[in-house]
Structure formats: structure tokens, C-alpha cells
Amino acid sequence: MRITQAFTFEAAHRLPHVPQTHKCFRMHGHSYRVELVLEGPVDGHTGFVADFFDVEAAFAPLLEQLDHHCLNEIEGLSNPTAEHIAVWIWQRAKPMLAPLAVVRVFETPMSWAEYDEG
């Protein structure tokens, strides 16, 4: 069984490794959406793969680091592409959320990066 919990945050960034003529070279912002997909058996007693309140509590410290910040200034995100943000979240969330299977980071409603360790 898979469950998904979504979160949103606002942040600014610039992509330092694209040509200076690329519009993402300049500082700009996004309304990001993060989806954490957890996979595992449904507990026979609770009926949960994981309690959504526990997922929210585990992700809260990471969300606080991202929301309304310049992502380039966060350790490990000097080149904050959606791909790098997804890996950054995975590396920090997986130890707290063992059944984490996928991290999706949406820069826009139509474009996103998806990371799983496989």
C-alpha cells in the first residue's frame, strides 16, 4: 500500500550553473509542492501505513528550513534544482520516515522531480 502526504512552501532561488542568459540564472521564487510517498503494509490495528500526523511532525523541521528562505543559502542546496531539492529532502527525511518510498518536488504544477533510492 502507498500513501502520500503533500506539503507546500514558498522559496527563492537561482540556478548558478546555467548560462547567464537563462532566466533561472536570476533570483526568482516558486510556490513549491512536496509529496512524500510512503509504502508498507497496513497495520491491522490502526489501519495505517503511517499516521499522517506523524509524517507531518517528522517533516516539519525540514519544511521550516525551506519555507520563505533563499534555497541557495541552505547547506547542501547551493545549486537548488528540483532534482537536488528532492535528494536533499530524501536524505534528511528517510531516517525519520522509514517507509518513505518517493519524494516529489514540484516547482510548478506542470514540472517536478521525483526521487527514490532505487
Protein backbone atom coordinates (compact mmCIF):
# COMPACT_ATOMS: atom_id res chain seq x y z
CA MET A 1 0.00 0.00 0.00
CA ARG A 2 1.18 3.52 -0.74
CA ILE A 3 0.08 6.73 0.93
CA THR A 4 1.04 10.28 0.01
CA GLN A 5 1.17 13.43 2.08
CA ALA A 6 1.70 16.78 0.36
CA PHE A 7 3.26 19.96 1.72
CA THR A 8 3.80 23.41 0.23
CA PHE A 9 6.39 26.08 0.78
CA GLU A 10 7.45 29.37 -0.77
CA ALA A 11 11.10 29.98 -1.53
CA ALA A 12 13.51 31.93 -3.69
CA HIS A 13 16.46 30.54 -5.60
CA ARG A 14 18.69 30.97 -8.57
CA LEU A 15 20.47 28.36 -10.62
CA PRO A 16 24.17 29.27 -10.68
CA HIS A 17 25.24 26.68 -13.26
CA VAL A 18 23.03 27.73 -16.17
CA PRO A 19 24.10 30.37 -18.71
CA GLN A 20 23.69 33.96 -17.56
CA THR A 21 21.14 34.42 -20.34
CA HIS A 22 18.90 31.67 -18.85
CA LYS A 23 16.05 33.26 -16.90
CA CYS A 24 16.62 30.87 -13.97
CA PHE A 25 20.11 32.32 -13.51
CA ARG A 26 18.38 35.35 -11.95
CA MET A 27 16.90 35.21 -8.46
CA HIS A 28 13.22 34.22 -8.58
CA GLY A 29 10.69 32.33 -6.50
CA HIS A 30 8.39 29.34 -6.63
CA SER A 31 5.41 28.01 -4.75
CA TYR A 32 6.80 24.52 -4.24
CA ARG A 33 4.79 21.38 -3.56
CA VAL A 34 6.44 18.37 -1.94
CA GLU A 35 4.85 14.95 -1.94
CA LEU A 36 6.16 12.27 0.39
CA VAL A 37 5.07 8.81 -0.68
CA LEU A 38 5.28 6.10 1.97
CA GLU A 39 4.95 2.41 1.24
CA GLY A 40 4.35 -0.55 3.51
CA PRO A 41 1.80 -2.88 4.97
CA VAL A 42 -1.38 -1.57 6.53
CA ASP A 43 -1.25 -2.06 10.30
CA GLY A 44 -4.09 -4.39 11.25
CA HIS A 45 -4.87 -2.45 14.41
CA THR A 46 -4.55 1.20 13.32
CA GLY A 47 -5.44 0.72 9.67
CA PHE A 48 -2.48 2.96 8.73
CA VAL A 49 0.68 2.55 6.71
CA ALA A 50 1.76 5.58 8.74
CA ASP A 51 -0.19 8.15 10.69
CA PHE A 52 -0.38 11.37 8.66
CA PHE A 53 0.12 13.38 11.87
CA ASP A 54 3.42 11.54 12.44
CA VAL A 55 4.50 12.25 8.85
CA GLU A 56 3.67 15.93 9.33
CA ALA A 57 5.62 16.10 12.59
CA ALA A 58 8.66 14.37 11.07
CA PHE A 59 8.72 16.69 8.05
CA ALA A 60 8.06 19.93 9.97
CA PRO A 61 11.72 20.74 10.77
CA LEU A 62 12.71 20.34 7.12
CA LEU A 63 9.78 22.40 5.95
CA GLU A 64 10.79 25.15 8.36
CA GLN A 65 14.28 25.21 6.84
CA LEU A 66 12.87 25.63 3.33
CA ASP A 67 9.82 27.86 3.69
CA HIS A 68 10.37 31.54 2.92
CA HIS A 69 14.13 31.15 2.55
CA CYS A 70 16.63 31.54 -0.22
CA LEU A 71 17.39 27.92 -1.07
CA ASN A 72 20.92 28.73 -2.29
CA GLU A 73 21.80 29.69 1.28
CA ILE A 74 20.81 26.32 2.77
CA GLU A 75 23.67 23.90 3.35
CA GLY A 76 23.61 21.28 0.60
CA LEU A 77 21.48 23.36 -1.78
CA SER A 78 23.93 25.72 -3.44
CA ASN A 79 22.51 24.59 -6.81
CA PRO A 80 18.84 24.18 -5.83
CA THR A 81 17.31 22.47 -8.83
CA ALA A 82 14.13 20.47 -8.23
CA GLU A 83 16.27 17.36 -8.60
CA HIS A 84 18.72 18.45 -5.89
CA ILE A 85 15.91 19.55 -3.58
CA ALA A 86 14.27 16.11 -3.90
CA VAL A 87 17.53 14.34 -2.98
CA TRP A 88 18.17 16.81 -0.13
CA ILE A 89 14.72 16.09 1.31
CA TRP A 90 15.15 12.32 0.88
CA GLN A 91 18.49 12.28 2.70
CA ARG A 92 17.03 14.10 5.69
CA ALA A 93 13.52 12.61 5.77
CA LYS A 94 14.32 8.92 5.20
CA PRO A 95 15.95 8.40 8.63
CA MET A 96 12.78 9.78 10.30
CA LEU A 97 10.30 8.10 7.94
CA ALA A 98 11.46 4.54 7.32
CA PRO A 99 8.61 3.68 4.90
CA LEU A 100 9.49 6.67 2.66
CA ALA A 101 9.45 5.40 -0.95
CA VAL A 102 9.38 8.53 -3.14
CA VAL A 103 9.94 12.27 -2.82
CA ARG A 104 8.37 14.53 -5.45
CA VAL A 105 9.23 18.22 -5.68
CA PHE A 106 7.02 20.35 -7.89
CA GLU A 107 8.46 23.69 -9.00
CA THR A 108 5.27 24.42 -10.88
CA PRO A 109 2.03 22.46 -11.24
CA MET A 110 3.38 21.16 -14.55
CA SER A 111 7.03 20.36 -13.71
CA TRP A 112 8.54 18.25 -10.97
CA ALA A 113 11.38 15.95 -10.00
CA GLU A 114 10.87 12.57 -8.38
CA TYR A 115 13.47 10.70 -6.33
CA ASP A 116 13.58 7.24 -4.88
CA GLU A 117 16.68 5.39 -3.82
CA GLY A 118 16.21 2.66 -6.43
